[in-house]
């Protein structure tokens, strides 16, 4: 999805990661979530946070907690 330019009409592929994703998905997604707000992609970062929460594994939740503690974009910390 991302390599195809992240088309919004195909965003289902991104959100499906919440159901299909695992710990590796969470580890790969986290740096992207951290970078997206700086690239004016706040909505994408917010969806990424929802995906981590939906994955729900210990690793995904630790990644989510780390983002909440360290991310400089206050809107995403909430």
PDB file of N, CA and C in Angstrom:
ATOM      1  N   UNK A   1       0.830  -1.194   0.000  1.00  0.00           N
ATOM      2  CA  UNK A   1       0.000   0.000   0.000  1.00  0.00           C
ATOM      3  C   UNK A   1       0.871   1.253   0.000  1.00  0.00           C
ATOM      4  N   UNK A   2       1.845   1.291   0.878  1.00  0.00           N
ATOM      5  CA  UNK A   2       2.695   2.482   0.955  1.00  0.00           C
ATOM      6  C   UNK A   2       3.572   2.619  -0.284  1.00  0.00           C
ATOM      7  N   UNK A   3       4.093   1.522  -0.785  1.00  0.00           N
ATOM      8  CA  UNK A   3       4.946   1.605  -1.972  1.00  0.00           C
ATOM      9  C   UNK A   3       4.149   1.991  -3.214  1.00  0.00           C
ATOM     10  N   UNK A   4       2.821   1.825  -3.153  1.00  0.00           N
ATOM     11  CA  UNK A   4       1.956   2.239  -4.261  1.00  0.00           C
ATOM     12  C   UNK A   4       1.542   3.700  -4.136  1.00  0.00           C
ATOM     13  N   UNK A   5       2.136   4.411  -3.191  1.00  0.00           N
ATOM     14  CA  UNK A   5       1.822   5.824  -3.016  1.00  0.00           C
ATOM     15  C   UNK A   5       0.746   6.088  -1.983  1.00  0.00           C
ATOM     16  N   UNK A   6       0.372   5.058  -1.235  1.00  0.00           N
ATOM     17  CA  UNK A   6      -0.622   5.161  -0.162  1.00  0.00           C
ATOM     18  C   UNK A   6      -1.935   5.776  -0.636  1.00  0.00           C
ATOM     19  N   UNK A   7      -2.525   5.218  -1.699  1.00  0.00           N
ATOM     20  CA  UNK A   7      -3.780   5.797  -2.195  1.00  0.00           C
ATOM     21  C   UNK A   7      -4.907   5.648  -1.172  1.00  0.00           C
ATOM     22  N   UNK A   8      -5.634   6.730  -0.935  1.00  0.00           N
ATOM     23  CA  UNK A   8      -6.675   6.703   0.090  1.00  0.00           C
ATOM     24  C   UNK A   8      -7.798   5.726  -0.252  1.00  0.00           C
ATOM     25  N   UNK A   9      -8.054   5.509  -1.532  1.00  0.00           N
ATOM     26  CA  UNK A   9      -9.113   4.557  -1.892  1.00  0.00           C
ATOM     27  C   UNK A   9      -8.716   3.117  -1.576  1.00  0.00           C
ATOM     28  N   UNK A  10      -7.461   2.892  -1.317  1.00  0.00           N
ATOM     29  CA  UNK A  10      -6.963   1.564  -0.958  1.00  0.00           C
ATOM     30  C   UNK A  10      -6.524   1.502   0.505  1.00  0.00           C
ATOM     31  N   UNK A  11      -7.014   2.412   1.318  1.00  0.00           N
ATOM     32  CA  UNK A  11      -6.576   2.468   2.716  1.00  0.00           C
ATOM     33  C   UNK A  11      -6.983   1.235   3.510  1.00  0.00           C
ATOM     34  N   UNK A  12      -7.914   0.445   2.984  1.00  0.00           N
ATOM     35  CA  UNK A  12      -8.304  -0.791   3.657  1.00  0.00           C
ATOM     36  C   UNK A  12      -7.090  -1.690   3.871  1.00  0.00           C
ATOM     37  N   UNK A  13      -6.151  -1.650   2.937  1.00  0.00           N
ATOM     38  CA  UNK A  13      -4.962  -2.493   3.059  1.00  0.00           C
ATOM     39  C   UNK A  13      -4.135  -2.083   4.269  1.00  0.00           C
ATOM     40  N   UNK A  14      -4.118  -0.800   4.564  1.00  0.00           N
ATOM     41  CA  UNK A  14      -3.386  -0.292   5.722  1.00  0.00           C
ATOM     42  C   UNK A  14      -4.116  -0.659   7.010  1.00  0.00           C
ATOM     43  N   UNK A  15      -5.416  -0.397   7.058  1.00  0.00           N
ATOM     44  CA  UNK A  15      -6.169  -0.673   8.283  1.00  0.00           C
ATOM     45  C   UNK A  15      -6.285  -2.168   8.562  1.00  0.00           C
ATOM     46  N   UNK A  16      -6.186  -2.996   7.530  1.00  0.00           N
ATOM     47  CA  UNK A  16      -6.229  -4.446   7.725  1.00  0.00           C
ATOM     48  C   UNK A  16      -5.058  -4.941   8.563  1.00  0.00           C
ATOM     49  N   UNK A  17      -4.007  -4.147   8.648  1.00  0.00           N
ATOM     50  CA  UNK A  17      -2.865  -4.542   9.477  1.00  0.00           C
ATOM     51  C   UNK A  17      -3.261  -4.698  10.939  1.00  0.00           C
ATOM     52  N   UNK A  18      -4.297  -4.004  11.364  1.00  0.00           N
ATOM     53  CA  UNK A  18      -4.766  -4.143  12.736  1.00  0.00           C
ATOM     54  C   UNK A  18      -5.278  -5.540  13.028  1.00  0.00           C
ATOM     55  N   UNK A  19      -5.819  -6.197  12.017  1.00  0.00           N
ATOM     56  CA  UNK A  19      -6.343  -7.556  12.171  1.00  0.00           C
ATOM     57  C   UNK A  19      -5.287  -8.592  11.806  1.00  0.00           C
ATOM     58  N   UNK A  20      -4.556  -8.316  10.751  1.00  0.00           N
ATOM     59  CA  UNK A  20      -3.608  -9.290  10.215  1.00  0.00           C
ATOM     60  C   UNK A  20      -2.190  -9.122  10.744  1.00  0.00           C
ATOM     61  N   UNK A  21      -1.908  -7.968  11.355  1.00  0.00           N
ATOM     62  CA  UNK A  21      -0.544  -7.667  11.781  1.00  0.00           C
ATOM     63  C   UNK A  21      -0.114  -8.451  13.009  1.00  0.00           C
ATOM     64  N   UNK A  22       1.196  -8.450  13.224  1.00  0.00           N
ATOM     65  CA  UNK A  22       1.783  -9.137  14.373  1.00  0.00           C
ATOM     66  C   UNK A  22       2.887  -8.255  14.958  1.00  0.00           C
ATOM     67  N   UNK A  23       3.731  -8.846  15.794  1.00  0.00           N
ATOM     68  CA  UNK A  23       4.798  -8.071  16.430  1.00  0.00           C
ATOM     69  C   UNK A  23       5.742  -7.442  15.410  1.00  0.00           C
ATOM     70  N   UNK A  24       6.057  -8.170  14.346  1.00  0.00           N
ATOM     71  CA  UNK A  24       6.930  -7.602  13.308  1.00  0.00           C
ATOM     72  C   UNK A  24       6.275  -6.394  12.647  1.00  0.00           C
ATOM     73  N   UNK A  25       4.986  -6.485  12.420  1.00  0.00           N
ATOM     74  CA  UNK A  25       4.247  -5.357  11.851  1.00  0.00           C
ATOM     75  C   UNK A  25       4.361  -4.145  12.760  1.00  0.00           C
ATOM     76  N   UNK A  26       4.168  -4.367  14.053  1.00  0.00           N
ATOM     77  CA  UNK A  26       4.242  -3.270  15.028  1.00  0.00           C
ATOM     78  C   UNK A  26       5.626  -2.634  15.024  1.00  0.00           C
ATOM     79  N   UNK A  27       6.656  -3.462  14.964  1.00  0.00           N
ATOM     80  CA  UNK A  27       8.032  -2.931  14.962  1.00  0.00           C
ATOM     81  C   UNK A  27       8.322  -2.121  13.696  1.00  0.00           C
ATOM     82  N   UNK A  28       7.800  -2.562  12.567  1.00  0.00           N
ATOM     83  CA  UNK A  28       8.033  -1.849  11.307  1.00  0.00           C
ATOM     84  C   UNK A  28       7.180  -0.589  11.198  1.00  0.00           C
ATOM     85  N   UNK A  29       6.007  -0.616  11.780  1.00  0.00           N
ATOM     86  CA  UNK A  29       5.085   0.509  11.687  1.00  0.00           C
ATOM     87  C   UNK A  29       5.487   1.674  12.589  1.00  0.00           C
ATOM     88  N   UNK A  30       6.079   1.375  13.725  1.00  0.00           N
ATOM     89  CA  UNK A  30       6.391   2.410  14.713  1.00  0.00           C
ATOM     90  C   UNK A  30       7.259   3.541  14.168  1.00  0.00           C
ATOM     91  N   UNK A  31       8.377   3.275  13.492  1.00  0.00           N
ATOM     92  CA  UNK A  31       9.166   4.405  12.980  1.00  0.00           C
ATOM     93  C   UNK A  31       8.411   5.239  11.944  1.00  0.00           C
ATOM     94  N   UNK A  32       7.524   4.597  11.206  1.00  0.00           N
ATOM     95  CA  UNK A  32       6.720   5.338  10.233  1.00  0.00           C
ATOM     96  C   UNK A  32       5.748   6.273  10.950  1.00  0.00           C
ATOM     97  N   UNK A  33       5.118   5.768  12.002  1.00  0.00           N
ATOM     98  CA  UNK A  33       4.181   6.591  12.774  1.00  0.00           C
ATOM     99  C   UNK A  33       4.901   7.800  13.356  1.00  0.00           C
ATOM    100  N   UNK A  34       6.123   7.595  13.808  1.00  0.00           N
ATOM    101  CA  UNK A  34       6.900   8.707  14.372  1.00  0.00           C
ATOM    102  C   UNK A  34       7.250   9.748  13.303  1.00  0.00           C
ATOM    103  N   UNK A  35       7.477   9.304  12.084  1.00  0.00           N
ATOM    104  CA  UNK A  35       7.913  10.208  11.015  1.00  0.00           C
ATOM    105  C   UNK A  35       6.759  10.934  10.333  1.00  0.00           C
ATOM    106  N   UNK A  36       5.618  10.308  10.216  1.00  0.00           N
ATOM    107  CA  UNK A  36       4.525  10.865   9.421  1.00  0.00           C
ATOM    108  C   UNK A  36       4.070  12.260   9.837  1.00  0.00           C
ATOM    109  N   UNK A  37       3.959  12.578  11.125  1.00  0.00           N
ATOM    110  CA  UNK A  37       3.519  13.949  11.450  1.00  0.00           C
ATOM    111  C   UNK A  37       4.453  15.021  10.887  1.00  0.00           C
ATOM    112  N   UNK A  38       5.738  14.744  10.858  1.00  0.00           N
ATOM    113  CA  UNK A  38       6.699  15.682  10.301  1.00  0.00           C
ATOM    114  C   UNK A  38       6.597  15.816   8.794  1.00  0.00           C
ATOM    115  N   UNK A  39       5.872  14.889   8.168  1.00  0.00           N
ATOM    116  CA  UNK A  39       5.649  14.905   6.721  1.00  0.00           C
ATOM    117  C   UNK A  39       4.212  15.328   6.397  1.00  0.00           C
ATOM    118  N   UNK A  40       3.574  15.997   7.341  1.00  0.00           N
ATOM    119  CA  UNK A  40       2.174  16.443   7.202  1.00  0.00           C
ATOM    120  C   UNK A  40       1.215  15.278   6.964  1.00  0.00           C
ATOM    121  N   UNK A  41       1.480  14.170   7.596  1.00  0.00           N
ATOM    122  CA  UNK A  41       0.631  12.979   7.480  1.00  0.00           C
ATOM    123  C   UNK A  41       0.046  12.612   8.846  1.00  0.00           C
ATOM    124  N   UNK A  42      -0.541  13.601   9.522  1.00  0.00           N
ATOM    125  CA  UNK A  42      -1.081  13.376  10.864  1.00  0.00           C
ATOM    126  C   UNK A  42      -2.185  12.321  10.872  1.00  0.00           C
ATOM    127  N   UNK A  43      -3.069  12.374   9.886  1.00  0.00           N
ATOM    128  CA  UNK A  43      -4.169  11.402   9.844  1.00  0.00           C
ATOM    129  C   UNK A  43      -3.628   9.984   9.693  1.00  0.00           C
ATOM    130  N   UNK A  44      -2.639   9.821   8.835  1.00  0.00           N
ATOM    131  CA  UNK A  44      -2.039   8.502   8.646  1.00  0.00           C
ATOM    132  C   UNK A  44      -1.390   8.021   9.943  1.00  0.00           C
ATOM    133  N   UNK A  45      -0.730   8.926  10.650  1.00  0.00           N
ATOM    134  CA  UNK A  45      -0.117   8.559  11.925  1.00  0.00           C
ATOM    135  C   UNK A  45      -1.175   8.142  12.938  1.00  0.00           C
ATOM    136  N   UNK A  46      -2.296   8.845  12.957  1.00  0.00           N
ATOM    137  CA  UNK A  46      -3.379   8.502  13.876  1.00  0.00           C
ATOM    138  C   UNK A  46      -3.943   7.119  13.562  1.00  0.00           C
ATOM    139  N   UNK A  47      -4.117   6.821  12.291  1.00  0.00           N
ATOM    140  CA  UNK A  47      -4.578   5.486  11.896  1.00  0.00           C
ATOM    141  C   UNK A  47      -3.539   4.446  12.303  1.00  0.00           C
ATOM    142  N   UNK A  48      -2.271   4.778  12.154  1.00  0.00           N
ATOM    143  CA  UNK A  48      -1.207   3.872  12.574  1.00  0.00           C
ATOM    144  C   UNK A  48      -1.278   3.556  14.059  1.00  0.00           C
ATOM    145  N   UNK A  49      -1.580   4.560  14.871  1.00  0.00           N
ATOM    146  CA  UNK A  49      -1.743   4.332  16.309  1.00  0.00           C
ATOM    147  C   UNK A  49      -2.918   3.395  16.571  1.00  0.00           C
ATOM    148  N   UNK A  50      -4.002   3.591  15.844  1.00  0.00           N
ATOM    149  CA  UNK A  50      -5.164   2.702  15.981  1.00  0.00           C
ATOM    150  C   UNK A  50      -4.811   1.273  15.584  1.00  0.00           C
ATOM    151  N   UNK A  51      -3.972   1.134  14.577  1.00  0.00           N
ATOM    152  CA  UNK A  51      -3.547  -0.197  14.140  1.00  0.00           C
ATOM    153  C   UNK A  51      -2.724  -0.874  15.228  1.00  0.00           C
ATOM    154  N   UNK A  52      -1.796  -0.140  15.832  1.00  0.00           N
ATOM    155  CA  UNK A  52      -1.020  -0.720  16.932  1.00  0.00           C
ATOM    156  C   UNK A  52      -1.940  -1.179  18.057  1.00  0.00           C
ATOM    157  N   UNK A  53      -2.913  -0.355  18.394  1.00  0.00           N
ATOM    158  CA  UNK A  53      -3.857  -0.721  19.451  1.00  0.00           C
ATOM    159  C   UNK A  53      -4.653  -1.966  19.059  1.00  0.00           C
ATOM    160  N   UNK A  54      -5.041  -2.057  17.794  1.00  0.00           N
ATOM    161  CA  UNK A  54      -5.815  -3.209  17.331  1.00  0.00           C
ATOM    162  C   UNK A  54      -4.977  -4.483  17.318  1.00  0.00           C
ATOM    163  N   UNK A  55      -3.697  -4.368  16.997  1.00  0.00           N
ATOM    164  CA  UNK A  55      -2.827  -5.545  17.050  1.00  0.00           C
ATOM    165  C   UNK A  55      -2.840  -6.077  18.477  1.00  0.00           C
ATOM    166  N   UNK A  56      -2.667  -5.172  19.433  1.00  0.00           N
ATOM    167  CA  UNK A  56      -2.891  -5.494  20.833  1.00  0.00           C
ATOM    168  C   UNK A  56      -1.901  -6.409  21.523  1.00  0.00           C
ATOM    169  N   UNK A  57      -0.863  -6.841  20.852  1.00  0.00           N
ATOM    170  CA  UNK A  57       0.128  -7.699  21.503  1.00  0.00           C
ATOM    171  C   UNK A  57       0.961  -6.868  22.474  1.00  0.00           C
ATOM    172  N   UNK A  58       1.710  -7.546  23.323  1.00  0.00           N
ATOM    173  CA  UNK A  58       2.574  -6.827  24.263  1.00  0.00           C
ATOM    174  C   UNK A  58       3.535  -5.904  23.523  1.00  0.00           C
ATOM    175  N   UNK A  59       4.124  -6.393  22.444  1.00  0.00           N
ATOM    176  CA  UNK A  59       5.070  -5.586  21.660  1.00  0.00           C
ATOM    177  C   UNK A  59       4.366  -4.370  21.074  1.00  0.00           C
ATOM    178  N   UNK A  60       3.196  -4.568  20.486  1.00  0.00           N
ATOM    179  CA  UNK A  60       2.463  -3.452  19.879  1.00  0.00           C
ATOM    180  C   UNK A  60       2.101  -2.409  20.931  1.00  0.00           C
ATOM    181  N   UNK A  61       1.673  -2.856  22.093  1.00  0.00           N
ATOM    182  CA  UNK A  61       1.303  -1.917  23.150  1.00  0.00           C
ATOM    183  C   UNK A  61       2.524  -1.206  23.728  1.00  0.00           C
ATOM    184  N   UNK A  62       3.664  -1.890  23.782  1.00  0.00           N
ATOM    185  CA  UNK A  62       4.900  -1.227  24.227  1.00  0.00           C
ATOM    186  C   UNK A  62       5.310  -0.158  23.218  1.00  0.00           C
ATOM    187  N   UNK A  63       5.162  -0.450  21.937  1.00  0.00           N
ATOM    188  CA  UNK A  63       5.471   0.534  20.901  1.00  0.00           C
ATOM    189  C   UNK A  63       4.545   1.742  21.033  1.00  0.00           C
ATOM    190  N   UNK A  64       3.278   1.487  21.267  1.00  0.00           N
ATOM    191  CA  UNK A  64       2.289   2.548  21.445  1.00  0.00           C
ATOM    192  C   UNK A  64       2.640   3.417  22.646  1.00  0.00           C
ATOM    193  N   UNK A  65       3.027   2.790  23.730  1.00  0.00           N
ATOM    194  CA  UNK A  65       3.433   3.524  24.928  1.00  0.00           C
ATOM    195  C   UNK A  65       4.678   4.361  24.661  1.00  0.00           C
ATOM    196  N   UNK A  66       5.639   3.793  23.956  1.00  0.00           N
ATOM    197  CA  UNK A  66       6.852   4.535  23.629  1.00  0.00           C
ATOM    198  C   UNK A  66       6.566   5.758  22.783  1.00  0.00           C
ATOM    199  N   UNK A  67       5.651   5.626  21.856  1.00  0.00           N
ATOM    200  CA  UNK A  67       5.262   6.770  21.026  1.00  0.00           C
ATOM    201  C   UNK A  67       4.613   7.836  21.894  1.00  0.00           C
ATOM    202  N   UNK A  68       3.727   7.423  22.776  1.00  0.00           N
ATOM    203  CA  UNK A  68       3.019   8.377  23.641  1.00  0.00           C
ATOM    204  C   UNK A  68       3.982   9.144  24.540  1.00  0.00           C
ATOM    205  N   UNK A  69       5.045   8.502  24.973  1.00  0.00           N
ATOM    206  CA  UNK A  69       5.990   9.146  25.881  1.00  0.00           C
ATOM    207  C   UNK A  69       6.979  10.055  25.168  1.00  0.00           C
ATOM    208  N   UNK A  70       7.340   9.731  23.935  1.00  0.00           N
ATOM    209  CA  UNK A  70       8.458  10.425  23.295  1.00  0.00           C
ATOM    210  C   UNK A  70       8.097  11.302  22.108  1.00  0.00           C
ATOM    211  N   UNK A  71       6.947  11.113  21.529  1.00  0.00           N
ATOM    212  CA  UNK A  71       6.609  11.853  20.319  1.00  0.00           C
ATOM    213  C   UNK A  71       6.406  13.326  20.628  1.00  0.00           C
ATOM    214  N   UNK A  72       6.973  14.189  19.803  1.00  0.00           N
ATOM    215  CA  UNK A  72       6.891  15.625  20.066  1.00  0.00           C
ATOM    216  C   UNK A  72       5.596  16.248  19.558  1.00  0.00           C
ATOM    217  N   UNK A  73       4.798  15.500  18.825  1.00  0.00           N
ATOM    218  CA  UNK A  73       3.531  16.012  18.315  1.00  0.00           C
ATOM    219  C   UNK A  73       2.434  15.699  19.323  1.00  0.00           C
ATOM    220  N   UNK A  74       2.053  16.699  20.094  1.00  0.00           N
ATOM    221  CA  UNK A  74       1.123  16.529  21.212  1.00  0.00           C
ATOM    222  C   UNK A  74      -0.202  15.899  20.797  1.00  0.00           C
ATOM    223  N   UNK A  75      -0.692  16.228  19.630  1.00  0.00           N
ATOM    224  CA  UNK A  75      -1.990  15.699  19.201  1.00  0.00           C
ATOM    225  C   UNK A  75      -1.977  14.178  19.131  1.00  0.00           C
ATOM    226  N   UNK A  76      -0.842  13.592  18.803  1.00  0.00           N
ATOM    227  CA  UNK A  76      -0.759  12.140  18.705  1.00  0.00           C
ATOM    228  C   UNK A  76      -0.520  11.484  20.051  1.00  0.00           C
ATOM    229  N   UNK A  77      -0.029  12.223  21.018  1.00  0.00           N
ATOM    230  CA  UNK A  77       0.208  11.651  22.335  1.00  0.00           C
ATOM    231  C   UNK A  77      -1.098  11.313  23.034  1.00  0.00           C
ATOM    232  N   UNK A  78      -2.144  12.019  22.692  1.00  0.00           N
ATOM    233  CA  UNK A  78      -3.434  11.790  23.335  1.00  0.00           C
ATOM    234  C   UNK A  78      -4.099  10.601  22.703  1.00  0.00           C
TER     235      UNK A  78
END
